[in-house]
C-alpha atoms as a PDB file:
ATOM      1  CA  UNK A   1     105.198  80.640  98.274  1.00  0.00           C
ATOM      2  CA  UNK A   2     102.625  79.205 100.684  1.00  0.00           C
ATOM      3  CA  UNK A   3     102.997  76.228 103.022  1.00  0.00           C
ATOM      4  CA  UNK A   4     101.328  72.951 102.049  1.00  0.00           C
ATOM      5  CA  UNK A   5      99.834  70.026 103.788  1.00  0.00           C
ATOM      6  CA  UNK A   6      98.035  66.907 102.512  1.00  0.00           C
ATOM      7  CA  UNK A   7      94.559  67.241 101.002  1.00  0.00           C
ATOM      8  CA  UNK A   8      93.527  63.972 102.497  1.00  0.00           C
ATOM      9  CA  UNK A   9      95.153  61.230 104.375  1.00  0.00           C
ATOM     10  CA  UNK A  10      97.073  58.302 103.112  1.00  0.00           C
ATOM     11  CA  UNK A  11      98.512  55.170 104.716  1.00  0.00           C
ATOM     12  CA  UNK A  12     101.236  52.513 104.176  1.00  0.00           C
ATOM     13  CA  UNK A  13     101.842  49.113 105.648  1.00  0.00           C
ATOM     14  CA  UNK A  14     104.863  46.905 105.609  1.00  0.00           C
ATOM     15  CA  UNK A  15     107.863  45.863 107.804  1.00  0.00           C
ATOM     16  CA  UNK A  16     110.683  47.883 109.359  1.00  0.00           C
ATOM     17  CA  UNK A  17     114.028  47.289 107.595  1.00  0.00           C
ATOM     18  CA  UNK A  18     116.105  46.778 110.880  1.00  0.00           C
ATOM     19  CA  UNK A  19     113.491  45.812 113.502  1.00  0.00           C
ATOM     20  CA  UNK A  20     111.496  43.482 111.102  1.00  0.00           C
ATOM     21  CA  UNK A  21     108.236  44.304 112.802  1.00  0.00           C
ATOM     22  CA  UNK A  22     105.060  44.897 110.869  1.00  0.00           C
ATOM     23  CA  UNK A  23     103.950  48.477 110.954  1.00  0.00           C
ATOM     24  CA  UNK A  24     100.987  50.560 109.838  1.00  0.00           C
ATOM     25  CA  UNK A  25     101.631  54.335 108.975  1.00  0.00           C
ATOM     26  CA  UNK A  26      99.051  57.009 108.353  1.00  0.00           C
ATOM     27  CA  UNK A  27      99.716  60.356 107.160  1.00  0.00           C
ATOM     28  CA  UNK A  28      97.222  63.186 108.042  1.00  0.00           C
ATOM     29  CA  UNK A  29      96.862  66.882 107.129  1.00  0.00           C
ATOM     30  CA  UNK A  30      98.257  69.343 109.771  1.00  0.00           C
ATOM     31  CA  UNK A  31      97.865  72.902 110.424  1.00  0.00           C
ATOM     32  CA  UNK A  32     100.123  75.861 109.357  1.00  0.00           C
ATOM     33  CA  UNK A  33     103.680  75.814 110.837  1.00  0.00           C
ATOM     34  CA  UNK A  34     103.097  72.341 112.406  1.00  0.00           C
ATOM     35  CA  UNK A  35     106.239  70.841 110.582  1.00  0.00           C
ATOM     36  CA  UNK A  36     106.714  67.113 110.297  1.00  0.00           C
ATOM     37  CA  UNK A  37     105.735  65.316 113.491  1.00  0.00           C
ATOM     38  CA  UNK A  38     105.456  61.410 114.282  1.00  0.00           C
ATOM     39  CA  UNK A  39     102.915  59.966 116.625  1.00  0.00           C
ATOM     40  CA  UNK A  40     103.705  56.601 118.236  1.00  0.00           C
ATOM     41  CA  UNK A  41      99.983  55.373 118.480  1.00  0.00           C
ATOM     42  CA  UNK A  42     101.093  52.111 120.002  1.00  0.00           C
ATOM     43  CA  UNK A  43     102.344  54.033 123.036  1.00  0.00           C
ATOM     44  CA  UNK A  44      99.459  56.483 123.549  1.00  0.00           C
ATOM     45  CA  UNK A  45      97.575  59.425 122.177  1.00  0.00           C
ATOM     46  CA  UNK A  46     100.055  62.002 123.403  1.00  0.00           C
ATOM     47  CA  UNK A  47     103.436  60.434 122.258  1.00  0.00           C
ATOM     48  CA  UNK A  48     104.999  62.564 119.635  1.00  0.00           C
ATOM     49  CA  UNK A  49     108.462  62.736 117.997  1.00  0.00           C
ATOM     50  CA  UNK A  50     109.397  65.901 115.982  1.00  0.00           C
ATOM     51  CA  UNK A  51     111.311  65.312 112.799  1.00  0.00           C
ATOM     52  CA  UNK A  52     114.201  67.707 113.589  1.00  0.00           C
ATOM     53  CA  UNK A  53     118.007  67.124 113.686  1.00  0.00           C
ATOM     54  CA  UNK A  54     118.418  67.727 117.443  1.00  0.00           C
ATOM     55  CA  UNK A  55     116.271  64.565 117.964  1.00  0.00           C
ATOM     56  CA  UNK A  56     118.697  62.374 116.038  1.00  0.00           C
ATOM     57  CA  UNK A  57     120.170  59.767 118.394  1.00  0.00           C
ATOM     58  CA  UNK A  58     121.410  56.805 116.168  1.00  0.00           C
ATOM     59  CA  UNK A  59     122.749  56.624 112.678  1.00  0.00           C
ATOM     60  CA  UNK A  60     123.981  53.074 112.103  1.00  0.00           C
ATOM     61  CA  UNK A  61     122.775  52.228 108.604  1.00  0.00           C
ATOM     62  CA  UNK A  62     119.612  54.615 109.063  1.00  0.00           C
ATOM     63  CA  UNK A  63     118.614  57.660 110.911  1.00  0.00           C
ATOM     64  CA  UNK A  64     117.012  57.284 114.237  1.00  0.00           C
ATOM     65  CA  UNK A  65     115.017  59.999 116.210  1.00  0.00           C
ATOM     66  CA  UNK A  66     114.395  60.020 120.020  1.00  0.00           C
ATOM     67  CA  UNK A  67     112.312  62.349 121.952  1.00  0.00           C
ATOM     68  CA  UNK A  68     111.562  61.801 125.611  1.00  0.00           C
ATOM     69  CA  UNK A  69     112.938  58.217 125.243  1.00  0.00           C
ATOM     70  CA  UNK A  70     110.488  57.490 122.433  1.00  0.00           C
ATOM     71  CA  UNK A  71     112.207  56.298 119.206  1.00  0.00           C
ATOM     72  CA  UNK A  72     111.240  56.571 115.406  1.00  0.00           C
ATOM     73  CA  UNK A  73     113.497  54.686 113.137  1.00  0.00           C
ATOM     74  CA  UNK A  74     114.341  54.962 109.464  1.00  0.00           C
ATOM     75  CA  UNK A  75     112.227  57.957 108.449  1.00  0.00           C
ATOM     76  CA  UNK A  76     114.711  59.265 105.860  1.00  0.00           C
ATOM     77  CA  UNK A  77     113.113  57.867 102.655  1.00  0.00           C
ATOM     78  CA  UNK A  78     109.732  59.296 103.844  1.00  0.00           C
ATOM     79  CA  UNK A  79     111.266  62.614 104.813  1.00  0.00           C
ATOM     80  CA  UNK A  80     112.921  62.968 101.245  1.00  0.00           C
ATOM     81  CA  UNK A  81     109.598  62.406  99.624  1.00  0.00           C
ATOM     82  CA  UNK A  82     107.710  64.825 101.788  1.00  0.00           C
ATOM     83  CA  UNK A  83     110.284  67.637 101.385  1.00  0.00           C
ATOM     84  CA  UNK A  84     110.759  67.179  97.577  1.00  0.00           C
ATOM     85  CA  UNK A  85     107.069  67.050  96.920  1.00  0.00           C
ATOM     86  CA  UNK A  86     106.619  70.199  99.048  1.00  0.00           C
ATOM     87  CA  UNK A  87     104.721  68.915 102.030  1.00  0.00           C
ATOM     88  CA  UNK A  88     105.517  71.372 105.036  1.00  0.00           C
ATOM     89  CA  UNK A  89     102.998  70.113 107.668  1.00  0.00           C
ATOM     90  CA  UNK A  90     101.979  66.599 108.462  1.00  0.00           C
ATOM     91  CA  UNK A  91     101.209  64.269 111.196  1.00  0.00           C
ATOM     92  CA  UNK A  92     102.534  60.746 110.818  1.00  0.00           C
ATOM     93  CA  UNK A  93     100.887  58.086 112.918  1.00  0.00           C
ATOM     94  CA  UNK A  94     102.948  54.861 113.471  1.00  0.00           C
ATOM     95  CA  UNK A  95     101.949  51.730 115.324  1.00  0.00           C
ATOM     96  CA  UNK A  96     105.534  50.705 115.892  1.00  0.00           C
ATOM     97  CA  UNK A  97     109.010  52.116 116.152  1.00  0.00           C
ATOM     98  CA  UNK A  98     110.032  52.035 112.569  1.00  0.00           C
ATOM     99  CA  UNK A  99     108.846  53.605 109.303  1.00  0.00           C
ATOM    100  CA  UNK A 100     107.966  50.753 106.776  1.00  0.00           C
ATOM    101  CA  UNK A 101     110.701  50.162 104.196  1.00  0.00           C
ATOM    102  CA  UNK A 102     108.316  49.053 101.523  1.00  0.00           C
ATOM    103  CA  UNK A 103     110.422  48.349  98.350  1.00  0.00           C
ATOM    104  CA  UNK A 104     113.602  50.013  99.825  1.00  0.00           C
ATOM    105  CA  UNK A 105     113.012  53.360  97.831  1.00  0.00           C
ATOM    106  CA  UNK A 106     110.896  56.395  98.204  1.00  0.00           C
ATOM    107  CA  UNK A 107     108.599  55.797  95.253  1.00  0.00           C
ATOM    108  CA  UNK A 108     105.864  54.133  97.145  1.00  0.00           C
ATOM    109  CA  UNK A 109     105.668  57.219  99.278  1.00  0.00           C
ATOM    110  CA  UNK A 110     105.639  59.621  96.306  1.00  0.00           C
ATOM    111  CA  UNK A 111     102.795  57.724  94.761  1.00  0.00           C
ATOM    112  CA  UNK A 112     100.728  57.722  97.916  1.00  0.00           C
ATOM    113  CA  UNK A 113     101.296  61.370  98.588  1.00  0.00           C
ATOM    114  CA  UNK A 114     100.220  62.202  95.013  1.00  0.00           C
ATOM    115  CA  UNK A 115      97.131  60.200  95.448  1.00  0.00           C
ATOM    116  CA  UNK A 116      96.290  62.157  98.675  1.00  0.00           C
ATOM    117  CA  UNK A 117      96.989  65.504  97.006  1.00  0.00           C
ATOM    118  CA  UNK A 118      98.416  68.699  98.473  1.00  0.00           C
ATOM    119  CA  UNK A 119      96.464  71.574  99.929  1.00  0.00           C
ATOM    120  CA  UNK A 120      97.716  75.142 100.029  1.00  0.00           C
ATOM    121  CA  UNK A 121      97.734  76.916 103.345  1.00  0.00           C
ATOM    122  CA  UNK A 122      97.645  80.478 104.477  1.00  0.00           C
ATOM    123  CA  UNK A 123     101.008  80.794 106.052  1.00  0.00           C
ATOM    124  CA  UNK A 124     104.164  81.606 103.808  1.00  0.00           C
ATOM    125  CA  UNK A 125     106.779  78.974 103.623  1.00  0.00           C
ATOM    126  CA  UNK A 126     109.947  79.687 105.300  1.00  0.00           C
ATOM    127  CA  UNK A 127     113.484  78.479 104.405  1.00  0.00           C
ATOM    128  CA  UNK A 128     116.822  77.551 105.976  1.00  0.00           C
ATOM    129  CA  UNK A 129     118.982  79.676 103.634  1.00  0.00           C
ATOM    130  CA  UNK A 130     122.771  78.968 103.373  1.00  0.00           C
ATOM    131  CA  UNK A 131     124.439  82.081 104.329  1.00  0.00           C
ATOM    132  CA  UNK A 132     128.112  81.427 103.432  1.00  0.00           C
ATOM    133  CA  UNK A 133     130.481  78.785 102.326  1.00  0.00           C
ATOM    134  CA  UNK A 134     131.184  76.106 104.894  1.00  0.00           C
ATOM    135  CA  UNK A 135     132.482  72.554 105.162  1.00  0.00           C
ATOM    136  CA  UNK A 136     132.191  69.751 107.643  1.00  0.00           C
ATOM    137  CA  UNK A 137     134.651  66.985 107.483  1.00  0.00           C
ATOM    138  CA  UNK A 138     134.620  63.491 109.114  1.00  0.00           C
ATOM    139  CA  UNK A 139     138.345  62.423 109.439  1.00  0.00           C
ATOM    140  CA  UNK A 140     137.347  58.898 110.434  1.00  0.00           C
ATOM    141  CA  UNK A 141     135.659  58.031 107.120  1.00  0.00           C
ATOM    142  CA  UNK A 142     137.034  60.824 104.846  1.00  0.00           C
ATOM    143  CA  UNK A 143     133.533  62.093 104.168  1.00  0.00           C
ATOM    144  CA  UNK A 144     132.845  65.733 103.792  1.00  0.00           C
ATOM    145  CA  UNK A 145     129.887  68.072 103.201  1.00  0.00           C
ATOM    146  CA  UNK A 146     130.054  71.511 101.838  1.00  0.00           C
ATOM    147  CA  UNK A 147     127.300  74.054 101.623  1.00  0.00           C
ATOM    148  CA  UNK A 148     127.408  77.223  99.419  1.00  0.00           C
ATOM    149  CA  UNK A 149     124.700  79.962  98.930  1.00  0.00           C
ATOM    150  CA  UNK A 150     122.438  79.419  96.018  1.00  0.00           C
ATOM    151  CA  UNK A 151     118.927  80.570  95.049  1.00  0.00           C
ATOM    152  CA  UNK A 152     117.589  76.978  94.774  1.00  0.00           C
ATOM    153  CA  UNK A 153     118.297  73.535  96.456  1.00  0.00           C
ATOM    154  CA  UNK A 154     121.203  71.846  94.488  1.00  0.00           C
ATOM    155  CA  UNK A 155     122.588  68.574  95.867  1.00  0.00           C
ATOM    156  CA  UNK A 156     125.691  66.993  94.315  1.00  0.00           C
ATOM    157  CA  UNK A 157     126.663  63.533  95.700  1.00  0.00           C
ATOM    158  CA  UNK A 158     129.773  61.443  95.159  1.00  0.00           C
ATOM    159  CA  UNK A 159     130.165  57.982  96.485  1.00  0.00           C
ATOM    160  CA  UNK A 160     133.552  56.165  96.605  1.00  0.00           C
ATOM    161  CA  UNK A 161     133.345  52.380  97.604  1.00  0.00           C
ATOM    162  CA  UNK A 162     136.170  49.985  97.357  1.00  0.00           C
ATOM    163  CA  UNK A 163     133.845  47.910  95.140  1.00  0.00           C
ATOM    164  CA  UNK A 164     134.570  46.746  91.562  1.00  0.00           C
ATOM    165  CA  UNK A 165     130.898  46.906  90.923  1.00  0.00           C
ATOM    166  CA  UNK A 166     130.224  50.414  92.273  1.00  0.00           C
ATOM    167  CA  UNK A 167     133.514  52.328  92.715  1.00  0.00           C
ATOM    168  CA  UNK A 168     133.066  56.064  92.330  1.00  0.00           C
ATOM    169  CA  UNK A 169     129.649  57.326  91.210  1.00  0.00           C
ATOM    170  CA  UNK A 170     128.017  60.760  91.095  1.00  0.00           C
ATOM    171  CA  UNK A 171     124.384  61.825  91.356  1.00  0.00           C
ATOM    172  CA  UNK A 172     122.924  65.414  91.126  1.00  0.00           C
ATOM    173  CA  UNK A 173     119.427  66.766  92.143  1.00  0.00           C
ATOM    174  CA  UNK A 174     118.365  70.250  91.208  1.00  0.00           C
ATOM    175  CA  UNK A 175     115.315  71.991  89.752  1.00  0.00           C
ATOM    176  CA  UNK A 176     115.688  70.260  86.442  1.00  0.00           C
ATOM    177  CA  UNK A 177     115.645  66.747  87.882  1.00  0.00           C
ATOM    178  CA  UNK A 178     112.330  65.033  88.348  1.00  0.00           C
ATOM    179  CA  UNK A 179     112.531  63.660  91.875  1.00  0.00           C
ATOM    180  CA  UNK A 180     109.763  61.185  91.486  1.00  0.00           C
ATOM    181  CA  UNK A 181     111.225  59.489  88.461  1.00  0.00           C
ATOM    182  CA  UNK A 182     114.939  59.998  88.821  1.00  0.00           C
ATOM    183  CA  UNK A 183     115.689  59.816  92.530  1.00  0.00           C
ATOM    184  CA  UNK A 184     112.807  58.289  94.444  1.00  0.00           C
ATOM    185  CA  UNK A 185     112.859  54.786  92.696  1.00  0.00           C
ATOM    186  CA  UNK A 186     116.526  54.246  93.910  1.00  0.00           C
ATOM    187  CA  UNK A 187     116.598  51.338  96.465  1.00  0.00           C
ATOM    188  CA  UNK A 188     118.551  50.920  99.584  1.00  0.00           C
ATOM    189  CA  UNK A 189     121.511  48.773  99.061  1.00  0.00           C
ATOM    190  CA  UNK A 190     124.279  46.754 100.795  1.00  0.00           C
ATOM    191  CA  UNK A 191     127.144  44.474  99.945  1.00  0.00           C
ATOM    192  CA  UNK A 192     126.709  40.694 100.347  1.00  0.00           C
ATOM    193  CA  UNK A 193     129.966  40.517 102.438  1.00  0.00           C
ATOM    194  CA  UNK A 194     128.305  42.892 105.109  1.00  0.00           C
ATOM    195  CA  UNK A 195     125.107  40.938 105.666  1.00  0.00           C
ATOM    196  CA  UNK A 196     126.455  38.512 108.443  1.00  0.00           C
ATOM    197  CA  UNK A 197     127.873  41.420 110.299  1.00  0.00           C
ATOM    198  CA  UNK A 198     124.819  43.649 110.125  1.00  0.00           C
ATOM    199  CA  UNK A 199     122.816  40.706 111.342  1.00  0.00           C
ATOM    200  CA  UNK A 200     125.159  40.285 114.296  1.00  0.00           C
ATOM    201  CA  UNK A 201     124.554  43.836 115.199  1.00  0.00           C
ATOM    202  CA  UNK A 202     120.814  43.065 115.131  1.00  0.00           C
ATOM    203  CA  UNK A 203     120.218  45.136 112.029  1.00  0.00           C
ATOM    204  CA  UNK A 204     118.197  44.318 108.672  1.00  0.00           C
ATOM    205  CA  UNK A 205     116.057  41.859 110.287  1.00  0.00           C
ATOM    206  CA  UNK A 206     113.186  42.885 107.849  1.00  0.00           C
ATOM    207  CA  UNK A 207     115.679  43.117 104.925  1.00  0.00           C
ATOM    208  CA  UNK A 208     115.017  40.964 101.793  1.00  0.00           C
ATOM    209  CA  UNK A 209     115.728  40.964  98.115  1.00  0.00           C
ATOM    210  CA  UNK A 210     112.262  42.616  97.977  1.00  0.00           C
ATOM    211  CA  UNK A 211     113.430  45.778  99.592  1.00  0.00           C
ATOM    212  CA  UNK A 212     117.104  46.056  98.961  1.00  0.00           C
ATOM    213  CA  UNK A 213     119.714  45.703  96.185  1.00  0.00           C
ATOM    214  CA  UNK A 214     122.443  43.293  97.330  1.00  0.00           C
ATOM    215  CA  UNK A 215     125.735  43.705  95.591  1.00  0.00           C
ATOM    216  CA  UNK A 216     127.980  40.461  95.469  1.00  0.00           C
ATOM    217  CA  UNK A 217     131.477  41.781  94.497  1.00  0.00           C
ATOM    218  CA  UNK A 218     133.202  38.429  94.744  1.00  0.00           C
ATOM    219  CA  UNK A 219     130.763  36.829  92.054  1.00  0.00           C
ATOM    220  CA  UNK A 220     130.485  40.194  90.272  1.00  0.00           C
ATOM    221  CA  UNK A 221     126.607  40.093  90.275  1.00  0.00           C
ATOM    222  CA  UNK A 222     123.597  41.254  92.012  1.00  0.00           C
ATOM    223  CA  UNK A 223     121.978  38.685  94.367  1.00  0.00           C
ATOM    224  CA  UNK A 224     118.728  37.074  93.292  1.00  0.00           C
ATOM    225  CA  UNK A 225     119.322  38.487  89.733  1.00  0.00           C
ATOM    226  CA  UNK A 226     118.058  41.887  90.528  1.00  0.00           C
ATOM    227  CA  UNK A 227     119.549  44.667  88.497  1.00  0.00           C
ATOM    228  CA  UNK A 228     119.972  48.263  89.208  1.00  0.00           C
ATOM    229  CA  UNK A 229     117.384  50.630  87.861  1.00  0.00           C
ATOM    230  CA  UNK A 230     120.047  53.238  86.989  1.00  0.00           C
ATOM    231  CA  UNK A 231     123.768  52.763  86.161  1.00  0.00           C
ATOM    232  CA  UNK A 232     124.490  54.907  89.314  1.00  0.00           C
ATOM    233  CA  UNK A 233     121.706  53.688  91.592  1.00  0.00           C
ATOM    234  CA  UNK A 234     123.799  53.596  94.726  1.00  0.00           C
ATOM    235  CA  UNK A 235     124.819  57.243  94.306  1.00  0.00           C
ATOM    236  CA  UNK A 236     121.213  58.124  93.610  1.00  0.00           C
ATOM    237  CA  UNK A 237     120.052  56.334  96.827  1.00  0.00           C
ATOM    238  CA  UNK A 238     122.794  58.059  98.966  1.00  0.00           C
ATOM    239  CA  UNK A 239     121.527  61.429  97.527  1.00  0.00           C
ATOM    240  CA  UNK A 240     118.064  60.280  98.540  1.00  0.00           C
ATOM    241  CA  UNK A 241     119.244  59.533 102.070  1.00  0.00           C
ATOM    242  CA  UNK A 242     120.932  63.091 102.158  1.00  0.00           C
ATOM    243  CA  UNK A 243     117.805  64.783 101.270  1.00  0.00           C
ATOM    244  CA  UNK A 244     115.893  62.925 103.784  1.00  0.00           C
ATOM    245  CA  UNK A 245     118.484  63.709 106.481  1.00  0.00           C
ATOM    246  CA  UNK A 246     118.580  67.424 105.478  1.00  0.00           C
ATOM    247  CA  UNK A 247     114.841  67.456 105.767  1.00  0.00           C
ATOM    248  CA  UNK A 248     115.542  67.396 109.510  1.00  0.00           C
ATOM    249  CA  UNK A 249     116.594  70.929 109.200  1.00  0.00           C
ATOM    250  CA  UNK A 250     112.905  71.562 110.166  1.00  0.00           C
ATOM    251  CA  UNK A 251     112.468  73.926 107.037  1.00  0.00           C
ATOM    252  CA  UNK A 252     113.220  73.450 103.401  1.00  0.00           C
ATOM    253  CA  UNK A 253     116.965  74.160 102.852  1.00  0.00           C
ATOM    254  CA  UNK A 254     117.976  76.720 100.099  1.00  0.00           C
ATOM    255  CA  UNK A 255     121.541  76.341  98.960  1.00  0.00           C
ATOM    256  CA  UNK A 256     124.024  74.111  97.253  1.00  0.00           C
ATOM    257  CA  UNK A 257     125.105  70.895  99.103  1.00  0.00           C
ATOM    258  CA  UNK A 258     128.142  69.114  97.776  1.00  0.00           C
ATOM    259  CA  UNK A 259     128.756  65.757  99.538  1.00  0.00           C
ATOM    260  CA  UNK A 260     131.647  63.238  99.234  1.00  0.00           C
ATOM    261  CA  UNK A 261     130.973  59.777 100.841  1.00  0.00           C
ATOM    262  CA  UNK A 262     127.835  60.793 102.693  1.00  0.00           C
ATOM    263  CA  UNK A 263     126.167  58.794 105.195  1.00  0.00           C
ATOM    264  CA  UNK A 264     123.527  59.122 107.905  1.00  0.00           C
ATOM    265  CA  UNK A 265     126.001  60.024 110.600  1.00  0.00           C
ATOM    266  CA  UNK A 266     128.020  62.651 108.631  1.00  0.00           C
ATOM    267  CA  UNK A 267     124.815  64.075 107.143  1.00  0.00           C
ATOM    268  CA  UNK A 268     123.223  64.790 110.439  1.00  0.00           C
ATOM    269  CA  UNK A 269     126.454  65.870 112.255  1.00  0.00           C
ATOM    270  CA  UNK A 270     127.075  68.288 109.400  1.00  0.00           C
ATOM    271  CA  UNK A 271     123.489  69.519 109.602  1.00  0.00           C
ATOM    272  CA  UNK A 272     123.787  70.058 113.225  1.00  0.00           C
ATOM    273  CA  UNK A 273     127.116  71.966 112.741  1.00  0.00           C
ATOM    274  CA  UNK A 274     125.773  74.221 110.049  1.00  0.00           C
ATOM    275  CA  UNK A 275     122.739  75.258 112.213  1.00  0.00           C
ATOM    276  CA  UNK A 276     124.724  75.752 115.358  1.00  0.00           C
ATOM    277  CA  UNK A 277     127.148  77.956 113.473  1.00  0.00           C
ATOM    278  CA  UNK A 278     124.159  79.953 111.922  1.00  0.00           C
ATOM    279  CA  UNK A 279     125.368  78.883 108.444  1.00  0.00           C
ATOM    280  CA  UNK A 280     121.811  77.984 107.546  1.00  0.00           C
END
C-alpha cells in the first residue's frame, strides 16, 4: 500500500481544552516520508515539533509534546483521526500551543479531512509490526497494556471507574468497525467531582458542556442534560485516546493492543517501552 497525504488543505478554529486560548490550525499536504509534523507559526517559520513518542513531555489529562522547548498540547484526537483515515504525511500549522478541542471528539477532524480528500504518494507505507507478546503494567494505577502479533490493527479497551454511572466498560476497534461513525464521535469526559481540582491545577480552562461530557455521579445524571451518544461512550473515548497516543509510534502499528484502564501516561510509557525493547 502506498503512503497518503492530503489532496488539499483544511483548517479548524476553536479553543484549547486546557489553556483556553483561541487557536487556528491548518493542515497541509506533505511529501513522502515526512510524517506528522506540527509547526508553531506564532513562534516563527522554522519552529517544528514532530509527532513522535520521544517528544512526549506531559500527560496530565492530555498528551503534550515538546521539542527544543516548544510545546504542542492535546493532539491525540487529531492524531487518531489522521492515522485511522490513512494520512501518513501532513504539516500541521498552529498559531498557539494547543490543538483546538472543538466538540471534544475526533468527528470534526474526520469531516474536515474527508472534505480535503486524500492523495496517494509514490513511497510504500511502512509499519511498526508487533513482533512478539509483551505487556507493560503500571503498578501505581493498576493499568496495563498488552501487545500481540496480528495481521491487522485490533484495539481492545476496558475501563474500570469507581462510578455507578460508568463502572466497567469495553470498546473494540478493528477492520470491521467504522472509525468515523463508531469511535470518532465519542467525546472527552470528566466527573463533576473532579472539576474544582482540575481547575486548581490550571487545566480545562477551555472546557465546557459544548466540548465535554460531564458525569455527575452524586445526582446520577449528566450535567446540562447532555446524554451519551453510546452506552459505552467513555470506553470508546479512551479507545480514541489510545489510538491517538499510539499514532506517536511514527508509523502505523500492526498488531493487537489490549488495554486495561488506559490513560495518556500509561499509553505513552508503554509505547516507549515497546519501541525501546524492539517489540514493535
